[in-house]
Amino acid sequence: MIVSTKAGWEMWPGPYGEWGSRKYLMASLDQSLQRMGLDYVDIFYSHRPDPETPMAETMGALDAIVRQGKALYVGISSYSPAQTLEAASILKSAGYTLPNSSA
């Protein structure tokens, strides 16, 4: 069994209640873990890119989530091909080896 969860859509009203800021992604995952009664998930997804948050901030949050042990792996979904390449480039420059990546 693989346990995954995602963030990107509205979780609560007001600022930082949706999209892809570091604050939102980390709070959303923490709430999901609490609801599921788990310490970590196998995969955590940023479910949609945030037009107001720099991609580096979103990718940095995903990096922090893995480093904190709250997810074994992270992923993205609903990103355009160009946004996916940008995300991969940011992570690659941070030292990550991306599977099947030509970025």
PDB file of N, CA and C in Angstrom:
ATOM      1  N   MET A   1       0.835  -1.151   0.000  1.00  0.00           N
ATOM      2  CA  MET A   1       0.000   0.000   0.000  1.00  0.00           C
ATOM      3  C   MET A   1       0.899   1.241   0.000  1.00  0.00           C
ATOM      4  N   ILE A   2       0.517   2.220  -0.786  1.00  0.00           N
ATOM      5  CA  ILE A   2       1.195   3.507  -0.832  1.00  0.00           C
ATOM      6  C   ILE A   2       0.210   4.562  -0.349  1.00  0.00           C
ATOM      7  N   VAL A   3       0.629   5.334   0.627  1.00  0.00           N
ATOM      8  CA  VAL A   3      -0.219   6.396   1.169  1.00  0.00           C
ATOM      9  C   VAL A   3       0.279   7.726   0.617  1.00  0.00           C
ATOM     10  N   SER A   4      -0.639   8.464  -0.003  1.00  0.00           N
ATOM     11  CA  SER A   4      -0.266   9.778  -0.523  1.00  0.00           C
ATOM     12  C   SER A   4      -1.341  10.793  -0.167  1.00  0.00           C
ATOM     13  N   THR A   5      -0.964  12.044  -0.235  1.00  0.00           N
ATOM     14  CA  THR A   5      -1.896  13.143  -0.028  1.00  0.00           C
ATOM     15  C   THR A   5      -1.402  14.302  -0.867  1.00  0.00           C
ATOM     16  N   LYS A   6      -2.252  15.301  -1.026  1.00  0.00           N
ATOM     17  CA  LYS A   6      -1.895  16.421  -1.891  1.00  0.00           C
ATOM     18  C   LYS A   6      -2.358  17.727  -1.278  1.00  0.00           C
ATOM     19  N   ALA A   7      -1.819  18.806  -1.796  1.00  0.00           N
ATOM     20  CA  ALA A   7      -2.223  20.137  -1.355  1.00  0.00           C
ATOM     21  C   ALA A   7      -2.252  21.048  -2.566  1.00  0.00           C
ATOM     22  N   GLY A   8      -3.053  22.075  -2.487  1.00  0.00           N
ATOM     23  CA  GLY A   8      -3.128  23.050  -3.563  1.00  0.00           C
ATOM     24  C   GLY A   8      -4.478  23.733  -3.633  1.00  0.00           C
ATOM     25  N   TRP A   9      -5.506  23.050  -3.177  1.00  0.00           N
ATOM     26  CA  TRP A   9      -6.850  23.623  -3.200  1.00  0.00           C
ATOM     27  C   TRP A   9      -7.197  24.152  -1.819  1.00  0.00           C
ATOM     28  N   GLU A  10      -8.267  24.898  -1.733  1.00  0.00           N
ATOM     29  CA  GLU A  10      -8.610  25.581  -0.486  1.00  0.00           C
ATOM     30  C   GLU A  10      -8.787  24.612   0.682  1.00  0.00           C
ATOM     31  N   MET A  11      -8.070  24.916   1.757  1.00  0.00           N
ATOM     32  CA  MET A  11      -8.179  24.143   3.001  1.00  0.00           C
ATOM     33  C   MET A  11      -8.878  24.950   4.078  1.00  0.00           C
ATOM     34  N   TRP A  12      -8.699  26.266   4.054  1.00  0.00           N
ATOM     35  CA  TRP A  12      -9.336  27.144   5.019  1.00  0.00           C
ATOM     36  C   TRP A  12      -9.416  28.532   4.380  1.00  0.00           C
ATOM     37  N   PRO A  13     -10.360  29.365   4.826  1.00  0.00           N
ATOM     38  CA  PRO A  13     -10.483  30.702   4.259  1.00  0.00           C
ATOM     39  C   PRO A  13      -9.334  31.614   4.699  1.00  0.00           C
ATOM     40  N   GLY A  14      -9.065  32.606   3.887  1.00  0.00           N
ATOM     41  CA  GLY A  14      -8.061  33.591   4.254  1.00  0.00           C
ATOM     42  C   GLY A  14      -6.732  33.337   3.596  1.00  0.00           C
ATOM     43  N   PRO A  15      -5.754  34.176   3.950  1.00  0.00           N
ATOM     44  CA  PRO A  15      -4.430  34.048   3.334  1.00  0.00           C
ATOM     45  C   PRO A  15      -3.781  32.707   3.692  1.00  0.00           C
ATOM     46  N   TYR A  16      -3.018  32.217   2.770  1.00  0.00           N
ATOM     47  CA  TYR A  16      -2.279  30.958   2.951  1.00  0.00           C
ATOM     48  C   TYR A  16      -3.189  29.757   3.098  1.00  0.00           C
ATOM     49  N   GLY A  17      -4.439  29.867   2.654  1.00  0.00           N
ATOM     50  CA  GLY A  17      -5.366  28.749   2.767  1.00  0.00           C
ATOM     51  C   GLY A  17      -5.409  27.851   1.556  1.00  0.00           C
ATOM     52  N   GLU A  18      -4.650  28.198   0.539  1.00  0.00           N
ATOM     53  CA  GLU A  18      -4.584  27.370  -0.666  1.00  0.00           C
ATOM     54  C   GLU A  18      -3.338  27.729  -1.468  1.00  0.00           C
ATOM     55  N   TRP A  19      -3.148  27.073  -2.571  1.00  0.00           N
ATOM     56  CA  TRP A  19      -2.069  27.275  -3.537  1.00  0.00           C
ATOM     57  C   TRP A  19      -0.767  26.595  -3.156  1.00  0.00           C
ATOM     58  N   GLY A  20       0.371  27.312  -3.149  1.00  0.00           N
ATOM     59  CA  GLY A  20       1.649  26.614  -3.023  1.00  0.00           C
ATOM     60  C   GLY A  20       2.702  27.289  -2.187  1.00  0.00           C
ATOM     61  N   SER A  21       2.290  28.157  -1.276  1.00  0.00           N
ATOM     62  CA  SER A  21       3.292  28.777  -0.407  1.00  0.00           C
ATOM     63  C   SER A  21       3.847  27.738   0.566  1.00  0.00           C
ATOM     64  N   ARG A  22       5.020  28.007   1.077  1.00  0.00           N
ATOM     65  CA  ARG A  22       5.635  27.118   2.075  1.00  0.00           C
ATOM     66  C   ARG A  22       4.699  26.931   3.265  1.00  0.00           C
ATOM     67  N   LYS A  23       4.161  28.034   3.773  1.00  0.00           N
ATOM     68  CA  LYS A  23       3.267  27.975   4.936  1.00  0.00           C
ATOM     69  C   LYS A  23       2.074  27.071   4.655  1.00  0.00           C
ATOM     70  N   TYR A  24       1.452  27.256   3.503  1.00  0.00           N
ATOM     71  CA  TYR A  24       0.273  26.455   3.175  1.00  0.00           C
ATOM     72  C   TYR A  24       0.617  24.977   2.994  1.00  0.00           C
ATOM     73  N   LEU A  25       1.652  24.684   2.217  1.00  0.00           N
ATOM     74  CA  LEU A  25       1.983  23.276   1.956  1.00  0.00           C
ATOM     75  C   LEU A  25       2.303  22.528   3.243  1.00  0.00           C
ATOM     76  N   MET A  26       3.086  23.131   4.099  1.00  0.00           N
ATOM     77  CA  MET A  26       3.478  22.454   5.335  1.00  0.00           C
ATOM     78  C   MET A  26       2.288  22.305   6.282  1.00  0.00           C
ATOM     79  N   ALA A  27       1.467  23.344   6.399  1.00  0.00           N
ATOM     80  CA  ALA A  27       0.291  23.250   7.272  1.00  0.00           C
ATOM     81  C   ALA A  27      -0.710  22.233   6.733  1.00  0.00           C
ATOM     82  N   SER A  28      -0.894  22.212   5.422  1.00  0.00           N
ATOM     83  CA  SER A  28      -1.824  21.269   4.812  1.00  0.00           C
ATOM     84  C   SER A  28      -1.381  19.825   5.069  1.00  0.00           C
ATOM     85  N   LEU A  29      -0.081  19.557   4.894  1.00  0.00           N
ATOM     86  CA  LEU A  29       0.418  18.207   5.154  1.00  0.00           C
ATOM     87  C   LEU A  29       0.262  17.853   6.624  1.00  0.00           C
ATOM     88  N   ASP A  30       0.601  18.764   7.509  1.00  0.00           N
ATOM     89  CA  ASP A  30       0.451  18.486   8.943  1.00  0.00           C
ATOM     90  C   ASP A  30      -0.995  18.130   9.287  1.00  0.00           C
ATOM     91  N   GLN A  31      -1.941  18.863   8.706  1.00  0.00           N
ATOM     92  CA  GLN A  31      -3.350  18.566   8.973  1.00  0.00           C
ATOM     93  C   GLN A  31      -3.748  17.204   8.406  1.00  0.00           C
ATOM     94  N   SER A  32      -3.269  16.867   7.225  1.00  0.00           N
ATOM     95  CA  SER A  32      -3.558  15.555   6.640  1.00  0.00           C
ATOM     96  C   SER A  32      -2.996  14.425   7.501  1.00  0.00           C
ATOM     97  N   LEU A  33      -1.755  14.600   7.942  1.00  0.00           N
ATOM     98  CA  LEU A  33      -1.146  13.576   8.795  1.00  0.00           C
ATOM     99  C   LEU A  33      -1.947  13.398  10.079  1.00  0.00           C
ATOM    100  N   GLN A  34      -2.381  14.495  10.658  1.00  0.00           N
ATOM    101  CA  GLN A  34      -3.172  14.419  11.885  1.00  0.00           C
ATOM    102  C   GLN A  34      -4.493  13.692  11.636  1.00  0.00           C
ATOM    103  N   ARG A  35      -5.184  14.026  10.546  1.00  0.00           N
ATOM    104  CA  ARG A  35      -6.459  13.363  10.231  1.00  0.00           C
ATOM    105  C   ARG A  35      -6.276  11.870  10.018  1.00  0.00           C
ATOM    106  N   MET A  36      -5.158  11.483   9.375  1.00  0.00           N
ATOM    107  CA  MET A  36      -4.919  10.068   9.084  1.00  0.00           C
ATOM    108  C   MET A  36      -4.264   9.330  10.244  1.00  0.00           C
ATOM    109  N   GLY A  37      -3.802  10.056  11.248  1.00  0.00           N
ATOM    110  CA  GLY A  37      -3.135   9.427  12.377  1.00  0.00           C
ATOM    111  C   GLY A  37      -1.786   8.837  11.998  1.00  0.00           C
ATOM    112  N   LEU A  38      -1.081   9.505  11.097  1.00  0.00           N
ATOM    113  CA  LEU A  38       0.210   9.019  10.614  1.00  0.00           C
ATOM    114  C   LEU A  38       1.325  10.005  10.935  1.00  0.00           C
ATOM    115  N   ASP A  39       2.550   9.491  10.957  1.00  0.00           N
ATOM    116  CA  ASP A  39       3.721  10.345  11.138  1.00  0.00           C
ATOM    117  C   ASP A  39       4.272  10.837   9.807  1.00  0.00           C
ATOM    118  N   TYR A  40       4.015  10.079   8.731  1.00  0.00           N
ATOM    119  CA  TYR A  40       4.515  10.437   7.406  1.00  0.00           C
ATOM    120  C   TYR A  40       3.658   9.771   6.342  1.00  0.00           C
ATOM    121  N   VAL A  41       3.785  10.261   5.115  1.00  0.00           N
ATOM    122  CA  VAL A  41       3.148   9.625   3.960  1.00  0.00           C
ATOM    123  C   VAL A  41       4.241   9.172   3.007  1.00  0.00           C
ATOM    124  N   ASP A  42       3.877   8.285   2.121  1.00  0.00           N
ATOM    125  CA  ASP A  42       4.829   7.843   1.113  1.00  0.00           C
ATOM    126  C   ASP A  42       5.086   8.937   0.076  1.00  0.00           C
ATOM    127  N   ILE A  43       4.014   9.589  -0.389  1.00  0.00           N
ATOM    128  CA  ILE A  43       4.156  10.628  -1.406  1.00  0.00           C
ATOM    129  C   ILE A  43       3.268  11.819  -1.037  1.00  0.00           C
ATOM    130  N   PHE A  44       3.842  13.009  -1.117  1.00  0.00           N
ATOM    131  CA  PHE A  44       3.091  14.246  -0.930  1.00  0.00           C
ATOM    132  C   PHE A  44       3.195  15.050  -2.216  1.00  0.00           C
ATOM    133  N   TYR A  45       2.045  15.464  -2.751  1.00  0.00           N
ATOM    134  CA  TYR A  45       1.986  16.189  -4.014  1.00  0.00           C
ATOM    135  C   TYR A  45       1.637  17.657  -3.830  1.00  0.00           C
ATOM    136  N   SER A  46       2.340  18.506  -4.561  1.00  0.00           N
ATOM    137  CA  SER A  46       1.881  19.871  -4.777  1.00  0.00           C
ATOM    138  C   SER A  46       0.944  19.765  -5.972  1.00  0.00           C
ATOM    139  N   HIS A  47      -0.356  19.918  -5.725  1.00  0.00           N
ATOM    140  CA  HIS A  47      -1.363  19.560  -6.719  1.00  0.00           C
ATOM    141  C   HIS A  47      -1.596  20.615  -7.795  1.00  0.00           C
ATOM    142  N   ARG A  48      -1.159  21.847  -7.552  1.00  0.00           N
ATOM    143  CA  ARG A  48      -1.271  22.842  -8.615  1.00  0.00           C
ATOM    144  C   ARG A  48      -0.285  23.970  -8.346  1.00  0.00           C
ATOM    145  N   PRO A  49       0.295  24.498  -9.422  1.00  0.00           N
ATOM    146  CA  PRO A  49       1.263  25.577  -9.246  1.00  0.00           C
ATOM    147  C   PRO A  49       0.575  26.852  -8.776  1.00  0.00           C
ATOM    148  N   ASP A  50       1.306  27.640  -8.052  1.00  0.00           N
ATOM    149  CA  ASP A  50       0.789  28.884  -7.493  1.00  0.00           C
ATOM    150  C   ASP A  50       1.308  30.057  -8.316  1.00  0.00           C
ATOM    151  N   PRO A  51       0.432  30.815  -8.956  1.00  0.00           N
ATOM    152  CA  PRO A  51       0.904  31.929  -9.778  1.00  0.00           C
ATOM    153  C   PRO A  51       1.513  33.074  -8.967  1.00  0.00           C
ATOM    154  N   GLU A  52       1.277  33.096  -7.657  1.00  0.00           N
ATOM    155  CA  GLU A  52       1.773  34.182  -6.807  1.00  0.00           C
ATOM    156  C   GLU A  52       3.002  33.801  -5.985  1.00  0.00           C
ATOM    157  N   THR A  53       3.334  32.531  -5.930  1.00  0.00           N
ATOM    158  CA  THR A  53       4.465  32.068  -5.120  1.00  0.00           C
ATOM    159  C   THR A  53       5.597  31.639  -6.046  1.00  0.00           C
ATOM    160  N   PRO A  54       6.810  32.101  -5.803  1.00  0.00           N
ATOM    161  CA  PRO A  54       7.925  31.660  -6.636  1.00  0.00           C
ATOM    162  C   PRO A  54       8.074  30.130  -6.591  1.00  0.00           C
ATOM    163  N   MET A  55       8.367  29.562  -7.746  1.00  0.00           N
ATOM    164  CA  MET A  55       8.526  28.116  -7.836  1.00  0.00           C
ATOM    165  C   MET A  55       9.596  27.624  -6.858  1.00  0.00           C
ATOM    166  N   ALA A  56      10.634  28.421  -6.644  1.00  0.00           N
ATOM    167  CA  ALA A  56      11.696  28.028  -5.718  1.00  0.00           C
ATOM    168  C   ALA A  56      11.163  27.869  -4.296  1.00  0.00           C
ATOM    169  N   GLU A  57      10.209  28.687  -3.901  1.00  0.00           N
ATOM    170  CA  GLU A  57       9.612  28.549  -2.564  1.00  0.00           C
ATOM    171  C   GLU A  57       8.822  27.249  -2.454  1.00  0.00           C
ATOM    172  N   THR A  58       8.035  26.949  -3.480  1.00  0.00           N
ATOM    173  CA  THR A  58       7.251  25.715  -3.465  1.00  0.00           C
ATOM    174  C   THR A  58       8.166  24.490  -3.436  1.00  0.00           C
ATOM    175  N   MET A  59       9.194  24.488  -4.283  1.00  0.00           N
ATOM    176  CA  MET A  59      10.118  23.353  -4.320  1.00  0.00           C
ATOM    177  C   MET A  59      10.913  23.268  -3.022  1.00  0.00           C
ATOM    178  N   GLY A  60      11.249  24.404  -2.436  1.00  0.00           N
ATOM    179  CA  GLY A  60      11.942  24.405  -1.147  1.00  0.00           C
ATOM    180  C   GLY A  60      11.089  23.802  -0.053  1.00  0.00           C
ATOM    181  N   ALA A  61       9.797  24.072  -0.097  1.00  0.00           N
ATOM    182  CA  ALA A  61       8.891  23.480   0.893  1.00  0.00           C
ATOM    183  C   ALA A  61       8.828  21.969   0.718  1.00  0.00           C
ATOM    184  N   LEU A  62       8.765  21.504  -0.524  1.00  0.00           N
ATOM    185  CA  LEU A  62       8.744  20.056  -0.758  1.00  0.00           C
ATOM    186  C   LEU A  62      10.037  19.414  -0.268  1.00  0.00           C
ATOM    187  N   ASP A  63      11.147  20.075  -0.509  1.00  0.00           N
ATOM    188  CA  ASP A  63      12.446  19.610   0.000  1.00  0.00           C
ATOM    189  C   ASP A  63      12.410  19.507   1.523  1.00  0.00           C
ATOM    190  N   ALA A  64      11.927  20.546   2.182  1.00  0.00           N
ATOM    191  CA  ALA A  64      11.873  20.553   3.650  1.00  0.00           C
ATOM    192  C   ALA A  64      10.986  19.432   4.181  1.00  0.00           C
ATOM    193  N   ILE A  65       9.897  19.160   3.494  1.00  0.00           N
ATOM    194  CA  ILE A  65       8.973  18.107   3.922  1.00  0.00           C
ATOM    195  C   ILE A  65       9.673  16.743   3.926  1.00  0.00           C
ATOM    196  N   VAL A  66      10.458  16.479   2.882  1.00  0.00           N
ATOM    197  CA  VAL A  66      11.208  15.213   2.838  1.00  0.00           C
ATOM    198  C   VAL A  66      12.277  15.197   3.915  1.00  0.00           C
ATOM    199  N   ARG A  67      13.010  16.277   4.053  1.00  0.00           N
ATOM    200  CA  ARG A  67      14.086  16.339   5.052  1.00  0.00           C
ATOM    201  C   ARG A  67      13.556  16.196   6.478  1.00  0.00           C
ATOM    202  N   GLN A  68      12.337  16.652   6.720  1.00  0.00           N
ATOM    203  CA  GLN A  68      11.721  16.513   8.037  1.00  0.00           C
ATOM    204  C   GLN A  68      11.134  15.120   8.268  1.00  0.00           C
ATOM    205  N   GLY A  69      11.141  14.284   7.238  1.00  0.00           N
ATOM    206  CA  GLY A  69      10.627  12.928   7.379  1.00  0.00           C
ATOM    207  C   GLY A  69       9.113  12.835   7.330  1.00  0.00           C
ATOM    208  N   LYS A  70       8.444  13.871   6.845  1.00  0.00           N
ATOM    209  CA  LYS A  70       6.985  13.842   6.774  1.00  0.00           C
ATOM    210  C   LYS A  70       6.480  13.189   5.496  1.00  0.00           C
ATOM    211  N   ALA A  71       7.368  13.024   4.509  1.00  0.00           N
ATOM    212  CA  ALA A  71       7.056  12.308   3.267  1.00  0.00           C
ATOM    213  C   ALA A  71       8.336  11.648   2.779  1.00  0.00           C
ATOM    214  N   LEU A  72       8.186  10.441   2.256  1.00  0.00           N
ATOM    215  CA  LEU A  72       9.351   9.767   1.685  1.00  0.00           C
ATOM    216  C   LEU A  72       9.707  10.359   0.327  1.00  0.00           C
ATOM    217  N   TYR A  73       8.678  10.716  -0.427  1.00  0.00           N
ATOM    218  CA  TYR A  73       8.844  11.278  -1.762  1.00  0.00           C
ATOM    219  C   TYR A  73       7.860  12.423  -1.931  1.00  0.00           C
ATOM    220  N   VAL A  74       8.161  13.310  -2.867  1.00  0.00           N
ATOM    221  CA  VAL A  74       7.229  14.378  -3.216  1.00  0.00           C
ATOM    222  C   VAL A  74       7.032  14.368  -4.726  1.00  0.00           C
ATOM    223  N   GLY A  75       5.946  14.974  -5.136  1.00  0.00           N
ATOM    224  CA  GLY A  75       5.647  15.051  -6.554  1.00  0.00           C
ATOM    225  C   GLY A  75       4.834  16.291  -6.850  1.00  0.00           C
ATOM    226  N   ILE A  76       4.604  16.504  -8.127  1.00  0.00           N
ATOM    227  CA  ILE A  76       3.756  17.602  -8.562  1.00  0.00           C
ATOM    228  C   ILE A  76       2.698  17.045  -9.502  1.00  0.00           C
ATOM    229  N   SER A  77       1.574  17.723  -9.563  1.00  0.00           N
ATOM    230  CA  SER A  77       0.536  17.368 -10.527  1.00  0.00           C
ATOM    231  C   SER A  77      -0.160  18.643 -10.968  1.00  0.00           C
ATOM    232  N   SER A  78      -0.734  18.616 -12.127  1.00  0.00           N
ATOM    233  CA  SER A  78      -1.427  19.757 -12.736  1.00  0.00           C
ATOM    234  C   SER A  78      -0.475  20.905 -13.071  1.00  0.00           C
ATOM    235  N   TYR A  79       0.807  20.622 -13.209  1.00  0.00           N
ATOM    236  CA  TYR A  79       1.789  21.611 -13.643  1.00  0.00           C
ATOM    237  C   TYR A  79       1.934  21.475 -15.162  1.00  0.00           C
ATOM    238  N   SER A  80       2.116  22.584 -15.839  1.00  0.00           N
ATOM    239  CA  SER A  80       2.341  22.543 -17.285  1.00  0.00           C
ATOM    240  C   SER A  80       3.720  21.934 -17.559  1.00  0.00           C
ATOM    241  N   PRO A  81       3.983  21.549 -18.804  1.00  0.00           N
ATOM    242  CA  PRO A  81       5.332  21.058 -19.116  1.00  0.00           C
ATOM    243  C   PRO A  81       6.422  22.072 -18.764  1.00  0.00           C
ATOM    244  N   ALA A  82       6.199  23.342 -19.050  1.00  0.00           N
ATOM    245  CA  ALA A  82       7.210  24.364 -18.735  1.00  0.00           C
ATOM    246  C   ALA A  82       7.403  24.487 -17.222  1.00  0.00           C
ATOM    247  N   GLN A  83       6.320  24.443 -16.459  1.00  0.00           N
ATOM    248  CA  GLN A  83       6.426  24.530 -14.999  1.00  0.00           C
ATOM    249  C   GLN A  83       7.118  23.291 -14.437  1.00  0.00           C
ATOM    250  N   THR A  84       6.856  22.140 -15.033  1.00  0.00           N
ATOM    251  CA  THR A  84       7.511  20.909 -14.598  1.00  0.00           C
ATOM    252  C   THR A  84       9.011  20.991 -14.834  1.00  0.00           C
ATOM    253  N   LEU A  85       9.408  21.504 -15.993  1.00  0.00           N
ATOM    254  CA  LEU A  85      10.841  21.670 -16.274  1.00  0.00           C
ATOM    255  C   LEU A  85      11.479  22.664 -15.312  1.00  0.00           C
ATOM    256  N   GLU A  86      10.768  23.740 -15.003  1.00  0.00           N
ATOM    257  CA  GLU A  86      11.298  24.723 -14.047  1.00  0.00           C
ATOM    258  C   GLU A  86      11.468  24.096 -12.667  1.00  0.00           C
ATOM    259  N   ALA A  87      10.468  23.341 -12.225  1.00  0.00           N
ATOM    260  CA  ALA A  87      10.542  22.679 -10.919  1.00  0.00           C
ATOM    261  C   ALA A  87      11.705  21.699 -10.891  1.00  0.00           C
ATOM    262  N   ALA A  88      11.840  20.909 -11.953  1.00  0.00           N
ATOM    263  CA  ALA A  88      12.935  19.932 -12.025  1.00  0.00           C
ATOM    264  C   ALA A  88      14.286  20.621 -12.015  1.00  0.00           C
ATOM    265  N   SER A  89      14.396  21.743 -12.710  1.00  0.00           N
ATOM    266  CA  SER A  89      15.654  22.485 -12.747  1.00  0.00           C
ATOM    267  C   SER A  89      16.024  23.011 -11.367  1.00  0.00           C
ATOM    268  N   ILE A  90      15.052  23.528 -10.649  1.00  0.00           N
ATOM    269  CA  ILE A  90      15.302  24.032  -9.294  1.00  0.00           C
ATOM    270  C   ILE A  90      15.779  22.907  -8.388  1.00  0.00           C
ATOM    271  N   LEU A  91      15.093  21.771  -8.448  1.00  0.00           N
ATOM    272  CA  LEU A  91      15.475  20.645  -7.585  1.00  0.00           C
ATOM    273  C   LEU A  91      16.829  20.071  -8.001  1.00  0.00           C
ATOM    274  N   LYS A  92      17.072  19.995  -9.296  1.00  0.00           N
ATOM    275  CA  LYS A  92      18.356  19.473  -9.762  1.00  0.00           C
ATOM    276  C   LYS A  92      19.500  20.374  -9.306  1.00  0.00           C
ATOM    277  N   SER A  93      19.299  21.697  -9.371  1.00  0.00           N
ATOM    278  CA  SER A  93      20.351  22.609  -8.938  1.00  0.00           C
ATOM    279  C   SER A  93      20.564  22.540  -7.427  1.00  0.00           C
ATOM    280  N   ALA A  94      19.575  22.033  -6.697  1.00  0.00           N
ATOM    281  CA  ALA A  94      19.714  21.852  -5.250  1.00  0.00           C
ATOM    282  C   ALA A  94      20.381  20.515  -4.915  1.00  0.00           C
ATOM    283  N   GLY A  95      20.708  19.732  -5.969  1.00  0.00           N
ATOM    284  CA  GLY A  95      21.439  18.488  -5.739  1.00  0.00           C
ATOM    285  C   GLY A  95      20.623  17.223  -5.806  1.00  0.00           C
ATOM    286  N   TYR A  96      19.384  17.322  -6.201  1.00  0.00           N
ATOM    287  CA  TYR A  96      18.551  16.125  -6.293  1.00  0.00           C
ATOM    288  C   TYR A  96      18.795  15.399  -7.594  1.00  0.00           C
ATOM    289  N   THR A  97      18.764  14.098  -7.552  1.00  0.00           N
ATOM    290  CA  THR A  97      18.781  13.276  -8.742  1.00  0.00           C
ATOM    291  C   THR A  97      17.347  12.935  -9.056  1.00  0.00           C
ATOM    292  N   LEU A  98      16.875  13.383 -10.199  1.00  0.00           N
ATOM    293  CA  LEU A  98      15.481  13.178 -10.571  1.00  0.00           C
ATOM    294  C   LEU A  98      15.378  11.975 -11.487  1.00  0.00           C
ATOM    295  N   PRO A  99      14.486  11.046 -11.167  1.00  0.00           N
ATOM    296  CA  PRO A  99      14.333   9.856 -12.020  1.00  0.00           C
ATOM    297  C   PRO A  99      13.767  10.238 -13.375  1.00  0.00           C
ATOM    298  N   ASN A 100      14.308   9.631 -14.424  1.00  0.00           N
ATOM    299  CA  ASN A 100      13.800   9.828 -15.780  1.00  0.00           C
ATOM    300  C   ASN A 100      13.695  11.300 -16.163  1.00  0.00           C
ATOM    301  N   SER A 101      14.635  12.097 -15.717  1.00  0.00           N
ATOM    302  CA  SER A 101      14.583  13.524 -15.986  1.00  0.00           C
ATOM    303  C   SER A 101      15.623  13.911 -17.005  1.00  0.00           C
ATOM    304  N   SER A 102      15.189  14.724 -17.955  1.00  0.00           N
ATOM    305  CA  SER A 102      16.147  15.284 -18.905  1.00  0.00           C
ATOM    306  C   SER A 102      16.370  16.753 -18.626  1.00  0.00           C
ATOM    307  N   ALA A 103      15.785  17.253 -17.512  1.00  0.00           N
ATOM    308  CA  ALA A 103      15.926  18.684 -17.172  1.00  0.00           C
ATOM    309  C   ALA A 103      17.288  18.975 -16.607  1.00  0.00           C
TER     310      ALA A 103
END
